[in-house]
């Protein structure tokens, strides 16, 4: 990816998709803004939100976050939001075109890895360009992780 900006460490992470790295090979990731209403922001600031089943899709030339569950904020009362409504993702046109092209050509999917607030207090989504893993790939990943853990233990006891 040419001209990629340096990856900043995210601020306060609100929701994380831990299964994404287990179920998919993450080929690339990028930060996207997200359009939220006030009660959604309040709910996220309380640390509530679930992106386990969420994904991003293209509709009308824009990318939308689908199936992300942000629960209602009780004090908002009648001005509350729908918990699983599609939310628009904010990206540059060139990035949107590149991601849509990758999804159509390579058969990959866009998976949100985390939702967090950056240092300016804006809600951001870390999107991953993901390719599905087979069962044997998952077993191999677990085996490698166990070996790395065991190797670190051996080095700590001998070193």
N, C-alpha and C. Protein backbone atom coordinates (compact mmCIF):
# COMPACT_ATOMS: atom_id res chain seq x y z
N UNK A 1 0.85 -1.17 0.00
CA UNK A 1 0.00 0.00 0.00
C UNK A 1 0.89 1.23 0.00
N UNK A 2 0.96 1.94 -1.08
CA UNK A 2 1.83 3.10 -1.22
C UNK A 2 1.25 4.30 -0.52
N UNK A 3 2.10 5.09 0.13
CA UNK A 3 1.66 6.33 0.76
C UNK A 3 0.86 6.12 2.04
N UNK A 4 1.07 5.02 2.71
CA UNK A 4 0.33 4.74 3.93
C UNK A 4 0.87 5.60 5.07
N UNK A 5 -0.06 6.18 5.80
CA UNK A 5 0.35 6.97 6.95
C UNK A 5 0.78 6.03 8.07
N UNK A 6 1.63 6.54 8.97
CA UNK A 6 2.11 5.75 10.08
C UNK A 6 0.94 5.40 11.00
N UNK A 7 0.89 4.16 11.42
CA UNK A 7 -0.21 3.68 12.26
C UNK A 7 -0.08 4.26 13.66
N UNK A 8 -1.09 4.99 14.08
CA UNK A 8 -1.12 5.53 15.43
C UNK A 8 -1.73 4.50 16.36
N UNK A 9 -1.32 4.54 17.61
CA UNK A 9 -1.94 3.65 18.57
C UNK A 9 -3.30 4.21 18.93
N UNK A 10 -4.32 3.35 18.95
CA UNK A 10 -5.66 3.86 19.24
C UNK A 10 -5.76 4.33 20.68
N UNK A 11 -6.71 5.23 20.91
CA UNK A 11 -6.98 5.72 22.26
C UNK A 11 -7.74 4.68 23.05
N UNK A 12 -8.82 5.08 23.65
CA UNK A 12 -9.61 4.19 24.49
C UNK A 12 -10.45 3.27 23.61
N UNK A 13 -10.17 1.99 23.65
CA UNK A 13 -10.90 1.01 22.84
C UNK A 13 -12.24 0.72 23.50
N UNK A 14 -13.31 0.85 22.71
CA UNK A 14 -14.67 0.65 23.22
C UNK A 14 -15.15 -0.76 22.92
N UNK A 15 -14.99 -1.21 21.68
CA UNK A 15 -15.44 -2.53 21.27
C UNK A 15 -14.36 -3.16 20.41
N UNK A 16 -14.16 -4.46 20.61
CA UNK A 16 -13.13 -5.17 19.85
C UNK A 16 -13.72 -6.46 19.29
N UNK A 17 -13.30 -6.80 18.08
CA UNK A 17 -13.72 -8.04 17.45
C UNK A 17 -12.56 -9.02 17.56
N UNK A 18 -12.52 -9.74 18.68
CA UNK A 18 -11.40 -10.65 18.93
C UNK A 18 -11.42 -11.86 18.01
N UNK A 19 -12.61 -12.29 17.60
CA UNK A 19 -12.71 -13.46 16.74
C UNK A 19 -12.23 -13.19 15.32
N UNK A 20 -12.16 -11.92 14.93
CA UNK A 20 -11.77 -11.59 13.55
C UNK A 20 -10.39 -12.13 13.22
N UNK A 21 -9.43 -11.96 14.12
CA UNK A 21 -8.07 -12.44 13.84
C UNK A 21 -7.99 -13.96 13.90
N UNK A 22 -8.94 -14.59 14.56
CA UNK A 22 -8.98 -16.06 14.61
C UNK A 22 -9.63 -16.62 13.35
N UNK A 23 -10.68 -15.96 12.86
CA UNK A 23 -11.44 -16.47 11.72
C UNK A 23 -10.92 -16.01 10.37
N UNK A 24 -10.10 -14.95 10.34
CA UNK A 24 -9.67 -14.36 9.07
C UNK A 24 -8.17 -14.09 9.08
N UNK A 25 -7.58 -14.08 7.89
CA UNK A 25 -6.25 -13.51 7.68
C UNK A 25 -6.48 -12.03 7.42
N UNK A 26 -5.93 -11.16 8.23
CA UNK A 26 -6.08 -9.72 8.04
C UNK A 26 -4.94 -9.26 7.13
N UNK A 27 -5.29 -8.91 5.89
CA UNK A 27 -4.28 -8.52 4.90
C UNK A 27 -3.87 -7.07 5.04
N UNK A 28 -4.80 -6.22 5.42
CA UNK A 28 -4.54 -4.79 5.52
C UNK A 28 -5.54 -4.20 6.50
N UNK A 29 -5.18 -3.12 7.16
CA UNK A 29 -6.15 -2.45 8.03
C UNK A 29 -6.01 -0.94 7.87
N UNK A 30 -7.12 -0.25 8.07
CA UNK A 30 -7.10 1.19 7.99
C UNK A 30 -8.13 1.78 8.92
N UNK A 31 -7.94 3.03 9.26
CA UNK A 31 -8.81 3.75 10.18
C UNK A 31 -9.87 4.50 9.40
N UNK A 32 -11.12 4.39 9.86
CA UNK A 32 -12.23 5.09 9.21
C UNK A 32 -13.04 5.81 10.27
N UNK A 33 -13.57 6.97 9.90
CA UNK A 33 -14.51 7.65 10.77
C UNK A 33 -15.87 6.99 10.67
N UNK A 34 -16.75 7.30 11.60
CA UNK A 34 -18.08 6.70 11.59
C UNK A 34 -19.09 7.77 11.96
N UNK A 35 -20.23 7.77 11.24
CA UNK A 35 -21.29 8.75 11.50
C UNK A 35 -22.20 8.18 12.59
N UNK A 36 -22.25 8.87 13.72
CA UNK A 36 -23.06 8.43 14.85
C UNK A 36 -24.00 9.54 15.28
N UNK A 37 -25.12 9.16 15.92
CA UNK A 37 -25.99 10.16 16.54
C UNK A 37 -25.58 10.29 18.00
N UNK A 38 -26.08 11.32 18.67
CA UNK A 38 -25.65 11.64 20.03
C UNK A 38 -25.79 10.52 21.03
N UNK A 39 -26.93 9.81 20.99
CA UNK A 39 -27.14 8.75 21.97
C UNK A 39 -26.19 7.56 21.73
N UNK A 40 -25.77 7.36 20.48
CA UNK A 40 -24.81 6.30 20.19
C UNK A 40 -23.44 6.64 20.78
N UNK A 41 -23.05 7.89 20.66
CA UNK A 41 -21.77 8.33 21.22
C UNK A 41 -21.77 8.16 22.73
N UNK A 42 -22.87 8.55 23.38
CA UNK A 42 -22.99 8.41 24.83
C UNK A 42 -22.88 6.95 25.25
N UNK A 43 -23.56 6.09 24.51
CA UNK A 43 -23.53 4.66 24.82
C UNK A 43 -22.13 4.10 24.64
N UNK A 44 -21.43 4.52 23.58
CA UNK A 44 -20.06 4.05 23.36
C UNK A 44 -19.12 4.57 24.44
N UNK A 45 -19.31 5.79 24.89
CA UNK A 45 -18.46 6.35 25.94
C UNK A 45 -18.62 5.59 27.25
N UNK A 46 -19.78 4.95 27.44
CA UNK A 46 -19.99 4.10 28.61
C UNK A 46 -19.29 2.76 28.44
N UNK A 47 -18.71 2.51 27.27
CA UNK A 47 -17.99 1.26 27.01
C UNK A 47 -18.89 0.14 26.52
N UNK A 48 -20.05 0.48 25.99
CA UNK A 48 -20.98 -0.53 25.51
C UNK A 48 -20.94 -0.56 23.99
N UNK A 49 -21.01 -1.73 23.43
CA UNK A 49 -20.99 -1.90 21.99
C UNK A 49 -20.47 -3.27 21.64
N UNK A 50 -20.96 -3.83 20.54
CA UNK A 50 -20.57 -5.17 20.12
C UNK A 50 -20.42 -5.19 18.60
N UNK A 51 -19.25 -5.57 18.13
CA UNK A 51 -19.01 -5.65 16.68
C UNK A 51 -18.63 -7.06 16.27
N UNK A 52 -19.03 -8.05 17.06
CA UNK A 52 -18.68 -9.44 16.78
C UNK A 52 -19.22 -9.95 15.46
N UNK A 53 -20.43 -9.56 15.09
CA UNK A 53 -21.05 -10.03 13.85
C UNK A 53 -21.05 -8.97 12.76
N UNK A 54 -20.36 -7.88 12.96
CA UNK A 54 -20.42 -6.75 12.05
C UNK A 54 -19.51 -6.94 10.84
N UNK A 55 -19.86 -6.24 9.76
CA UNK A 55 -19.05 -6.21 8.56
C UNK A 55 -19.37 -4.91 7.83
N UNK A 56 -18.55 -4.56 6.86
CA UNK A 56 -18.78 -3.35 6.07
C UNK A 56 -19.15 -3.75 4.65
N UNK A 57 -20.10 -3.03 4.07
CA UNK A 57 -20.50 -3.30 2.69
C UNK A 57 -20.69 -1.99 1.95
N UNK A 58 -20.67 -2.10 0.62
CA UNK A 58 -20.82 -0.92 -0.23
C UNK A 58 -22.28 -0.76 -0.62
N UNK A 59 -22.77 0.47 -0.54
CA UNK A 59 -24.13 0.79 -1.00
C UNK A 59 -24.14 2.24 -1.45
N UNK A 60 -24.47 2.46 -2.70
CA UNK A 60 -24.55 3.82 -3.22
C UNK A 60 -23.23 4.54 -3.27
N UNK A 61 -22.14 3.82 -3.46
CA UNK A 61 -20.83 4.46 -3.56
C UNK A 61 -20.19 4.76 -2.21
N UNK A 62 -20.85 4.39 -1.11
CA UNK A 62 -20.30 4.62 0.23
C UNK A 62 -20.15 3.28 0.94
N UNK A 63 -19.35 3.27 1.98
CA UNK A 63 -19.21 2.07 2.81
C UNK A 63 -20.07 2.24 4.06
N UNK A 64 -20.76 1.16 4.43
CA UNK A 64 -21.65 1.17 5.59
C UNK A 64 -21.26 0.04 6.53
N UNK A 65 -21.29 0.32 7.83
CA UNK A 65 -21.05 -0.68 8.85
C UNK A 65 -22.38 -1.33 9.20
N UNK A 66 -22.49 -2.63 8.96
CA UNK A 66 -23.75 -3.36 9.14
C UNK A 66 -23.61 -4.32 10.31
N UNK A 67 -24.68 -4.49 11.07
CA UNK A 67 -24.78 -5.43 12.20
C UNK A 67 -23.95 -5.04 13.42
N UNK A 68 -23.47 -3.83 13.50
CA UNK A 68 -22.79 -3.39 14.71
C UNK A 68 -23.87 -3.04 15.73
N UNK A 69 -23.78 -3.59 16.91
CA UNK A 69 -24.81 -3.38 17.93
C UNK A 69 -24.31 -2.38 18.97
N UNK A 70 -24.94 -1.21 18.98
CA UNK A 70 -24.67 -0.20 20.00
C UNK A 70 -25.97 -0.05 20.79
N UNK A 71 -26.00 -0.52 22.05
CA UNK A 71 -27.27 -0.51 22.80
C UNK A 71 -27.79 0.89 23.04
N UNK A 72 -29.08 0.97 23.31
CA UNK A 72 -29.70 2.26 23.57
C UNK A 72 -29.12 2.90 24.81
N UNK A 73 -29.09 4.23 24.82
CA UNK A 73 -28.65 5.00 25.97
C UNK A 73 -29.90 5.41 26.74
N UNK A 74 -30.12 4.80 27.88
CA UNK A 74 -31.38 4.97 28.62
C UNK A 74 -31.79 6.42 28.88
N UNK A 75 -30.89 7.33 29.31
CA UNK A 75 -31.32 8.71 29.57
C UNK A 75 -31.78 9.47 28.32
N UNK A 76 -31.49 8.96 27.11
CA UNK A 76 -31.90 9.65 25.89
C UNK A 76 -33.40 9.53 25.66
N UNK A 77 -34.03 8.54 26.31
CA UNK A 77 -35.48 8.38 26.31
C UNK A 77 -36.06 8.31 24.90
N UNK A 78 -36.89 9.26 24.50
CA UNK A 78 -37.57 9.19 23.20
C UNK A 78 -36.65 9.55 22.03
N UNK A 79 -35.48 10.10 22.30
CA UNK A 79 -34.54 10.49 21.24
C UNK A 79 -33.49 9.42 20.99
N UNK A 80 -33.78 8.21 21.39
CA UNK A 80 -32.82 7.11 21.25
C UNK A 80 -32.67 6.67 19.80
N UNK A 81 -31.68 5.84 19.57
CA UNK A 81 -31.35 5.32 18.24
C UNK A 81 -31.76 3.85 18.14
N UNK A 82 -31.77 3.35 16.91
CA UNK A 82 -32.00 1.92 16.67
C UNK A 82 -30.66 1.20 16.88
N UNK A 83 -30.60 0.19 17.74
CA UNK A 83 -29.31 -0.42 18.10
C UNK A 83 -28.51 -1.01 16.95
N UNK A 84 -29.15 -1.60 15.94
CA UNK A 84 -28.37 -2.26 14.89
C UNK A 84 -28.51 -1.59 13.53
N UNK A 85 -28.76 -0.30 13.50
CA UNK A 85 -28.93 0.37 12.21
C UNK A 85 -27.59 0.43 11.47
N UNK A 86 -27.63 0.48 10.11
CA UNK A 86 -26.38 0.64 9.35
C UNK A 86 -25.79 2.03 9.60
N UNK A 87 -24.49 2.10 9.77
CA UNK A 87 -23.82 3.37 10.04
C UNK A 87 -22.81 3.66 8.94
N UNK A 88 -22.82 4.87 8.45
CA UNK A 88 -21.95 5.27 7.35
C UNK A 88 -20.51 5.40 7.84
N UNK A 89 -19.58 4.88 7.04
CA UNK A 89 -18.15 5.00 7.33
C UNK A 89 -17.57 6.13 6.50
N UNK A 90 -16.71 6.90 7.10
CA UNK A 90 -16.12 8.07 6.45
C UNK A 90 -14.70 7.76 6.00
N UNK A 91 -14.54 7.70 4.68
CA UNK A 91 -13.24 7.45 4.06
C UNK A 91 -13.10 8.33 2.84
N UNK A 92 -11.88 8.47 2.35
CA UNK A 92 -11.66 9.21 1.11
C UNK A 92 -12.14 8.38 -0.06
N UNK A 93 -12.55 9.05 -1.13
CA UNK A 93 -13.08 8.36 -2.32
C UNK A 93 -12.09 7.33 -2.86
N UNK A 94 -10.82 7.68 -2.88
CA UNK A 94 -9.80 6.78 -3.41
C UNK A 94 -9.70 5.51 -2.55
N UNK A 95 -9.78 5.68 -1.21
CA UNK A 95 -9.74 4.52 -0.32
C UNK A 95 -10.98 3.64 -0.51
N UNK A 96 -12.15 4.28 -0.65
CA UNK A 96 -13.39 3.53 -0.86
C UNK A 96 -13.29 2.72 -2.15
N UNK A 97 -12.82 3.36 -3.22
CA UNK A 97 -12.69 2.67 -4.51
C UNK A 97 -11.72 1.49 -4.41
N UNK A 98 -10.62 1.67 -3.71
CA UNK A 98 -9.62 0.60 -3.55
C UNK A 98 -10.22 -0.57 -2.77
N UNK A 99 -10.94 -0.27 -1.69
CA UNK A 99 -11.52 -1.33 -0.87
C UNK A 99 -12.62 -2.08 -1.61
N UNK A 100 -13.48 -1.35 -2.31
CA UNK A 100 -14.56 -1.98 -3.08
C UNK A 100 -13.97 -2.87 -4.17
N UNK A 101 -12.92 -2.38 -4.84
CA UNK A 101 -12.25 -3.17 -5.87
C UNK A 101 -11.66 -4.45 -5.30
N UNK A 102 -11.04 -4.36 -4.13
CA UNK A 102 -10.44 -5.54 -3.51
C UNK A 102 -11.51 -6.55 -3.13
N UNK A 103 -12.64 -6.08 -2.63
CA UNK A 103 -13.72 -6.98 -2.23
C UNK A 103 -14.29 -7.69 -3.45
N UNK A 104 -14.45 -6.97 -4.55
CA UNK A 104 -15.02 -7.58 -5.76
C UNK A 104 -14.05 -8.51 -6.46
N UNK A 105 -12.77 -8.14 -6.53
CA UNK A 105 -11.78 -8.93 -7.26
C UNK A 105 -11.31 -10.15 -6.48
N UNK A 106 -10.87 -9.93 -5.26
CA UNK A 106 -10.19 -10.98 -4.51
C UNK A 106 -11.11 -11.84 -3.66
N UNK A 107 -12.35 -11.44 -3.50
CA UNK A 107 -13.26 -12.21 -2.65
C UNK A 107 -12.94 -12.08 -1.18
N UNK A 108 -12.50 -10.92 -0.77
CA UNK A 108 -12.24 -10.66 0.64
C UNK A 108 -13.42 -9.88 1.22
N UNK A 109 -13.42 -9.70 2.52
CA UNK A 109 -14.50 -8.96 3.17
C UNK A 109 -13.90 -7.89 4.07
N UNK A 110 -14.70 -6.89 4.39
CA UNK A 110 -14.26 -5.82 5.28
C UNK A 110 -14.84 -6.07 6.66
N UNK A 111 -13.97 -6.27 7.63
CA UNK A 111 -14.37 -6.61 8.99
C UNK A 111 -13.87 -5.53 9.94
N UNK A 112 -14.75 -5.01 10.81
CA UNK A 112 -14.27 -4.05 11.82
C UNK A 112 -13.49 -4.78 12.90
N UNK A 113 -12.29 -4.31 13.19
CA UNK A 113 -11.45 -4.95 14.20
C UNK A 113 -11.68 -4.31 15.57
N UNK A 114 -11.93 -3.00 15.59
CA UNK A 114 -12.20 -2.32 16.86
C UNK A 114 -12.86 -0.98 16.60
N UNK A 115 -13.57 -0.50 17.62
CA UNK A 115 -14.11 0.86 17.64
C UNK A 115 -13.45 1.54 18.83
N UNK A 116 -12.92 2.73 18.61
CA UNK A 116 -12.23 3.43 19.69
C UNK A 116 -12.39 4.94 19.52
N UNK A 117 -12.04 5.67 20.56
CA UNK A 117 -12.01 7.12 20.50
C UNK A 117 -10.55 7.55 20.38
N UNK A 118 -10.26 8.39 19.38
CA UNK A 118 -8.88 8.84 19.20
C UNK A 118 -8.55 9.93 20.22
N UNK A 119 -7.35 10.49 20.14
CA UNK A 119 -6.93 11.48 21.12
C UNK A 119 -7.71 12.78 21.04
N UNK A 120 -8.41 13.03 19.93
CA UNK A 120 -9.27 14.21 19.81
C UNK A 120 -10.69 13.93 20.28
N UNK A 121 -10.98 12.69 20.66
CA UNK A 121 -12.30 12.34 21.16
C UNK A 121 -13.28 11.92 20.08
N UNK A 122 -12.79 11.65 18.87
CA UNK A 122 -13.66 11.23 17.77
C UNK A 122 -13.71 9.70 17.70
N UNK A 123 -14.90 9.17 17.41
CA UNK A 123 -15.07 7.72 17.29
C UNK A 123 -14.49 7.26 15.96
N UNK A 124 -13.67 6.23 16.00
CA UNK A 124 -13.04 5.68 14.80
C UNK A 124 -13.24 4.17 14.78
N UNK A 125 -13.22 3.62 13.56
CA UNK A 125 -13.33 2.17 13.36
C UNK A 125 -12.05 1.71 12.68
N UNK A 126 -11.45 0.67 13.21
CA UNK A 126 -10.29 0.06 12.58
C UNK A 126 -10.82 -1.06 11.70
N UNK A 127 -10.79 -0.84 10.37
CA UNK A 127 -11.31 -1.81 9.40
C UNK A 127 -10.19 -2.70 8.89
N UNK A 128 -10.49 -3.98 8.79
CA UNK A 128 -9.51 -4.92 8.26
C UNK A 128 -10.00 -5.53 6.96
N UNK A 129 -9.10 -5.63 5.99
CA UNK A 129 -9.39 -6.33 4.73
C UNK A 129 -9.06 -7.79 5.00
N UNK A 130 -10.10 -8.63 5.11
CA UNK A 130 -9.91 -9.98 5.63
C UNK A 130 -10.25 -11.05 4.60
N UNK A 131 -9.46 -12.13 4.66
CA UNK A 131 -9.68 -13.31 3.84
C UNK A 131 -9.92 -14.48 4.79
N UNK A 132 -10.96 -15.26 4.57
CA UNK A 132 -11.36 -16.33 5.48
C UNK A 132 -10.32 -17.42 5.65
N UNK A 133 -10.24 -17.94 6.87
CA UNK A 133 -9.34 -19.05 7.17
C UNK A 133 -10.10 -20.37 7.08
N UNK A 134 -9.39 -21.39 6.67
CA UNK A 134 -9.92 -22.74 6.71
C UNK A 134 -9.67 -23.31 8.11
N UNK A 135 -10.30 -24.43 8.42
CA UNK A 135 -10.15 -25.04 9.74
C UNK A 135 -8.70 -25.41 10.03
N UNK A 136 -7.99 -25.94 9.04
CA UNK A 136 -6.60 -26.33 9.28
C UNK A 136 -5.71 -25.12 9.50
N UNK A 137 -6.06 -23.97 8.89
CA UNK A 137 -5.30 -22.75 9.15
C UNK A 137 -5.46 -22.31 10.59
N UNK A 138 -6.68 -22.43 11.12
CA UNK A 138 -6.94 -22.05 12.51
C UNK A 138 -6.15 -22.94 13.47
N UNK A 139 -6.12 -24.24 13.18
CA UNK A 139 -5.37 -25.17 14.03
C UNK A 139 -3.88 -24.86 14.00
N UNK A 140 -3.40 -24.51 12.82
CA UNK A 140 -1.98 -24.17 12.68
C UNK A 140 -1.64 -22.91 13.45
N UNK A 141 -2.52 -21.92 13.43
CA UNK A 141 -2.30 -20.69 14.17
C UNK A 141 -2.24 -20.96 15.66
N UNK A 142 -3.15 -21.78 16.16
CA UNK A 142 -3.16 -22.12 17.58
C UNK A 142 -1.89 -22.88 17.95
N UNK A 143 -1.45 -23.79 17.09
CA UNK A 143 -0.23 -24.55 17.36
C UNK A 143 0.99 -23.63 17.41
N UNK A 144 1.09 -22.69 16.48
CA UNK A 144 2.21 -21.74 16.48
C UNK A 144 2.20 -20.87 17.73
N UNK A 145 1.01 -20.40 18.12
CA UNK A 145 0.91 -19.55 19.31
C UNK A 145 1.33 -20.32 20.57
N UNK A 146 0.89 -21.58 20.68
CA UNK A 146 1.29 -22.40 21.83
C UNK A 146 2.80 -22.63 21.86
N UNK A 147 3.38 -22.87 20.69
CA UNK A 147 4.82 -23.08 20.62
C UNK A 147 5.58 -21.82 21.03
N UNK A 148 5.13 -20.67 20.57
CA UNK A 148 5.79 -19.41 20.95
C UNK A 148 5.71 -19.20 22.47
N UNK A 149 4.57 -19.50 23.05
CA UNK A 149 4.39 -19.36 24.50
C UNK A 149 5.32 -20.32 25.25
N UNK A 150 5.39 -21.58 24.78
CA UNK A 150 6.23 -22.58 25.41
C UNK A 150 7.71 -22.20 25.27
N UNK A 151 8.08 -21.69 24.11
CA UNK A 151 9.47 -21.27 23.87
C UNK A 151 9.85 -20.12 24.80
N UNK A 152 8.92 -19.18 25.00
CA UNK A 152 9.20 -18.05 25.90
C UNK A 152 9.38 -18.54 27.34
N UNK A 153 8.60 -19.53 27.75
CA UNK A 153 8.74 -20.10 29.09
C UNK A 153 10.12 -20.76 29.26
N UNK A 154 10.52 -21.54 28.24
CA UNK A 154 11.82 -22.21 28.30
C UNK A 154 12.96 -21.21 28.38
N UNK A 155 12.87 -20.15 27.59
CA UNK A 155 13.92 -19.13 27.61
C UNK A 155 13.97 -18.40 28.94
N UNK A 156 12.81 -18.19 29.56
CA UNK A 156 12.76 -17.48 30.83
C UNK A 156 13.38 -18.34 31.95
N UNK A 157 13.14 -19.65 31.92
CA UNK A 157 13.69 -20.52 32.97
C UNK A 157 15.17 -20.75 32.80
N UNK A 158 15.66 -20.79 31.56
CA UNK A 158 17.09 -21.04 31.32
C UNK A 158 17.91 -19.76 31.29
N UNK A 159 17.26 -18.64 30.97
CA UNK A 159 17.99 -17.40 30.77
C UNK A 159 18.10 -16.59 31.98
